[in-house]
Protein backbone atom coordinates (compact mmCIF):
# COMPACT_ATOMS: atom_id res chain seq x y z
CA MET A 1 -32.79 58.67 -19.26
CA ASN A 2 -30.93 56.35 -17.04
CA CYS A 3 -27.12 56.11 -16.39
CA PRO A 4 -25.65 52.95 -18.06
CA SER A 5 -23.33 52.52 -15.12
CA CYS A 6 -25.53 52.78 -12.00
CA ASN A 7 -29.02 52.94 -13.62
CA ALA A 8 -29.79 56.26 -11.80
CA GLN A 9 -32.09 58.88 -13.42
CA VAL A 10 -30.02 61.57 -15.37
CA PRO A 11 -31.59 64.82 -16.45
CA PRO A 12 -31.72 65.10 -20.35
CA GLU A 13 -29.22 68.01 -20.48
CA ALA A 14 -26.56 66.26 -18.26
CA THR A 15 -23.30 65.11 -19.73
CA ALA A 16 -22.30 63.08 -16.46
CA CYS A 17 -24.39 61.01 -14.03
CA PRO A 18 -25.17 63.02 -10.84
CA GLY A 19 -25.09 59.57 -8.85
CA CYS A 20 -21.74 58.16 -10.02
CA GLY A 21 -20.29 60.67 -12.24
CA ALA A 22 -20.04 58.32 -15.33
CA PRO A 23 -20.23 60.37 -18.57
CA VAL A 24 -23.44 60.03 -20.45
CA ALA A 25 -24.62 61.39 -23.81
CA PRO A 26 -27.12 64.24 -23.89
CA ALA A 27 -30.72 63.25 -24.56
CA ALA A 28 -30.33 64.60 -28.24
CA ALA A 29 -27.93 61.68 -28.85
CA GLU A 30 -30.69 59.15 -27.94
CA ALA A 31 -32.33 59.88 -31.12
CA ALA A 32 -29.32 58.63 -32.94
CA PRO A 33 -29.26 54.88 -33.70
CA ALA A 34 -28.76 52.59 -30.72
CA ALA A 35 -25.24 51.72 -29.83
CA ALA A 36 -24.07 48.13 -29.83
CA PRO A 37 -24.65 46.50 -26.53
CA GLN A 38 -21.94 47.10 -24.01
CA ASP A 39 -20.72 43.43 -24.21
CA ALA A 40 -19.95 43.92 -27.82
CA GLN A 41 -17.99 46.96 -27.07
CA ALA A 42 -16.11 45.36 -24.11
CA LYS A 43 -12.24 45.39 -24.54
CA PRO A 44 -10.50 42.14 -24.26
CA GLY A 45 -8.67 41.48 -20.95
CA PHE A 46 -9.45 41.27 -17.37
CA ASP A 47 -11.79 44.01 -15.81
CA ILE A 48 -10.72 44.44 -12.24
CA LYS A 49 -13.56 46.85 -11.55
CA ALA A 50 -16.19 44.53 -12.62
CA CYS A 51 -14.57 41.71 -10.65
CA SER A 52 -14.27 43.62 -7.46
CA SER A 53 -17.77 44.77 -7.47
CA ASN A 54 -18.96 40.95 -7.69
CA PRO A 55 -20.69 40.13 -4.39
CA ILE A 56 -19.17 36.62 -4.36
CA ILE A 57 -15.75 38.01 -4.78
CA LYS A 58 -16.30 40.64 -2.05
CA LYS A 59 -17.58 37.96 0.44
CA TYR A 60 -15.25 35.09 -0.46
CA GLY A 61 -12.22 36.82 -2.09
CA ALA A 62 -9.86 36.11 0.73
CA PHE A 63 -10.77 32.55 0.83
CA ILE A 64 -10.35 32.26 -2.89
CA ALA A 65 -6.99 33.88 -2.94
CA GLY A 66 -5.83 31.92 0.03
CA GLY A 67 -6.93 28.65 -1.76
CA ALA A 68 -5.06 29.63 -4.90
CA VAL A 69 -1.88 30.28 -2.83
CA VAL A 70 -2.20 26.83 -1.20
CA LEU A 71 -2.75 25.14 -4.56
CA LEU A 72 0.14 26.76 -6.03
CA LEU A 73 2.30 25.65 -3.08
CA LEU A 74 1.03 22.06 -3.37
CA ILE A 75 1.76 22.02 -7.15
CA ILE A 76 5.23 23.24 -6.44
CA CYS A 77 5.83 20.56 -3.69
CA LEU A 78 4.54 17.81 -6.09
CA ILE A 79 6.87 18.95 -8.84
CA SER A 80 9.84 19.10 -6.65
CA CYS A 81 9.12 15.61 -5.15
CA SER A 82 8.51 14.11 -8.55
CA GLY A 83 11.52 15.68 -9.82
CA GLY A 84 13.76 13.25 -7.97
CA ASN A 85 14.41 13.96 -4.38
CA ALA A 86 16.22 10.77 -3.55
CA ASP A 87 16.22 11.51 0.09
CA MET A 88 12.49 12.06 0.32
CA GLU A 89 11.80 8.92 -1.92
CA TYR A 90 13.97 6.79 0.20
CA VAL A 91 12.20 7.78 3.48
CA ILE A 92 8.84 7.35 1.96
CA GLY A 93 9.78 3.97 0.41
CA LYS A 94 11.43 2.68 3.61
CA GLU A 95 8.29 3.63 5.60
CA LEU A 96 5.97 2.15 3.26
CA LEU A 97 8.07 -1.05 2.98
CA ASP A 98 8.55 -1.30 6.91
CA ASN A 99 4.66 -0.88 7.45
CA SER A 100 3.87 -3.42 4.89
CA ASN A 101 5.07 -6.12 7.29
CA TYR A 102 6.78 -7.95 4.46
CA THR A 103 8.62 -10.12 6.91
CA SER A 104 5.28 -11.50 8.23
CA LYS A 105 3.65 -13.98 5.87
CA LYS A 106 0.21 -13.36 7.59
CA LEU A 107 0.04 -9.65 7.92
CA CYS A 108 1.63 -8.50 4.64
CA ASP A 109 -0.01 -5.56 2.94
CA GLU A 110 1.08 -6.11 -0.70
CA LYS A 111 -0.01 -2.79 -1.83
CA LEU A 112 2.16 -1.07 0.67
CA GLU A 113 5.09 -3.33 -0.19
CA LYS A 114 4.72 -2.57 -3.97
CA LYS A 115 4.53 1.22 -3.28
CA GLY A 116 7.44 1.14 -0.97
CA LEU A 117 9.50 -0.84 -3.47
CA ASP A 118 8.56 1.62 -6.20
CA TYR A 119 9.68 4.61 -4.12
CA LEU A 120 12.97 2.85 -3.16
CA LYS A 121 13.67 2.07 -6.84
CA LYS A 122 13.17 5.70 -7.80
CA ALA A 123 15.56 6.74 -4.91
CA ALA A 124 18.17 4.22 -6.01
CA LYS A 125 17.81 5.55 -9.67
CA HIS A 126 18.51 8.95 -8.28
CA GLY A 127 21.64 7.88 -6.59
CA SER A 128 20.58 7.10 -2.98
CA ALA A 129 22.97 4.38 -1.55
CA ASP A 130 20.55 3.97 1.42
CA ALA A 131 17.79 2.91 -0.97
CA MET A 132 20.15 0.65 -2.95
CA PHE A 133 21.24 -1.13 0.37
CA GLU A 134 17.37 -1.38 1.44
CA LEU A 135 16.50 -2.93 -1.87
CA GLY A 136 19.37 -5.47 -1.48
CA SER A 137 18.22 -6.31 1.90
CA TYR A 138 14.74 -6.82 0.78
CA HIS A 139 15.71 -9.12 -2.05
CA ALA A 140 18.07 -11.03 0.25
CA TYR A 141 15.21 -11.61 2.77
CA LYS A 142 13.11 -12.84 -0.20
CA GLU A 143 15.97 -15.06 -1.28
CA GLU A 144 16.28 -13.28 -4.59
CA ASN A 145 20.00 -13.33 -4.38
CA THR A 146 20.82 -12.00 -7.94
CA GLU A 147 18.86 -8.79 -7.36
CA ALA A 148 20.12 -8.61 -3.96
CA LYS A 149 23.65 -8.72 -5.13
CA LYS A 150 22.94 -6.17 -7.93
CA TYR A 151 21.72 -3.60 -5.38
CA PHE A 152 24.42 -4.25 -2.72
CA GLU A 153 27.05 -3.95 -5.51
CA LYS A 154 25.61 -0.46 -6.41
CA ALA A 155 25.55 0.61 -2.75
CA SER A 156 29.00 -0.66 -2.41
CA LYS A 157 30.28 1.38 -5.19
CA LYS A 158 28.92 4.50 -3.56
CA GLY A 159 30.89 3.69 -0.48
CA TYR A 160 28.26 2.13 1.56
CA LYS A 161 30.30 -0.13 4.18
CA LEU A 162 27.33 -2.30 5.15
CA ALA A 163 26.66 -3.27 1.37
CA GLU A 164 30.23 -4.71 1.22
CA LYS A 165 29.49 -6.81 4.34
CA ALA A 166 26.17 -7.95 2.87
CA LEU A 167 28.00 -8.92 -0.36
CA ASP A 168 30.31 -11.09 1.71
CA ALA A 169 27.60 -12.58 3.64
CA LEU A 170 25.79 -13.46 0.26
CA ASP A 171 28.90 -15.01 -1.02
CA ALA A 172 29.48 -17.20 2.05
CA LYS A 173 25.79 -18.26 1.77
CA LYS A 174 26.36 -19.13 -1.86
CA LYS A 175 29.54 -21.12 -1.03
CA SER A 176 27.71 -22.89 1.83
CA LYS A 177 24.89 -23.92 -0.27
CA LYS A 178 27.25 -25.17 -2.96
CA SER A 179 29.28 -27.26 -0.59
CA ARG A 180 26.18 -28.80 0.77
CA ASP A 181 25.05 -29.64 -2.74
CA ASP A 182 28.30 -31.17 -3.37
CA ASP A 183 28.03 -33.30 -0.25
CA ASP A 184 24.65 -34.55 -1.34
CA GLU A 185 26.11 -35.97 -4.65
């Protein structure tokens, strides 16, 4: 008879395998009806012994474990960034917007511009006065004064001094335009 664990030859009177020490039934028990396959008797759960004897695990186990740790850290970082880190969103948004060259009509990368605005809006939503001011400046440059004023006012309420000056400049520009319009009539 053969050992069910290591497949070594076992004498008929032995109660344990001489090779691996696994318990075996005596040869007289072989005459009894065949037991269910080992898979059917397997207990639920993780079998560390079977896993550690897997040649792939033995060879690449450290890489697999390291990859799992890196993946876990990446997931944690993504969750923390998506959770509303206003400072990080502001930095990313400003960089993307600056690199989109939105002030240059010829070189503008509209995808970068849109992505940058999205990040700045998230940062503003999470309370970043820097992002609010940056969005106000963007809209003022695009001559979208209603939007510019909205973001400058939000930044000003947070104590951002440059936003107050920007609001004054928008008001002066509006008054200047109105007086030109009155002169034209």
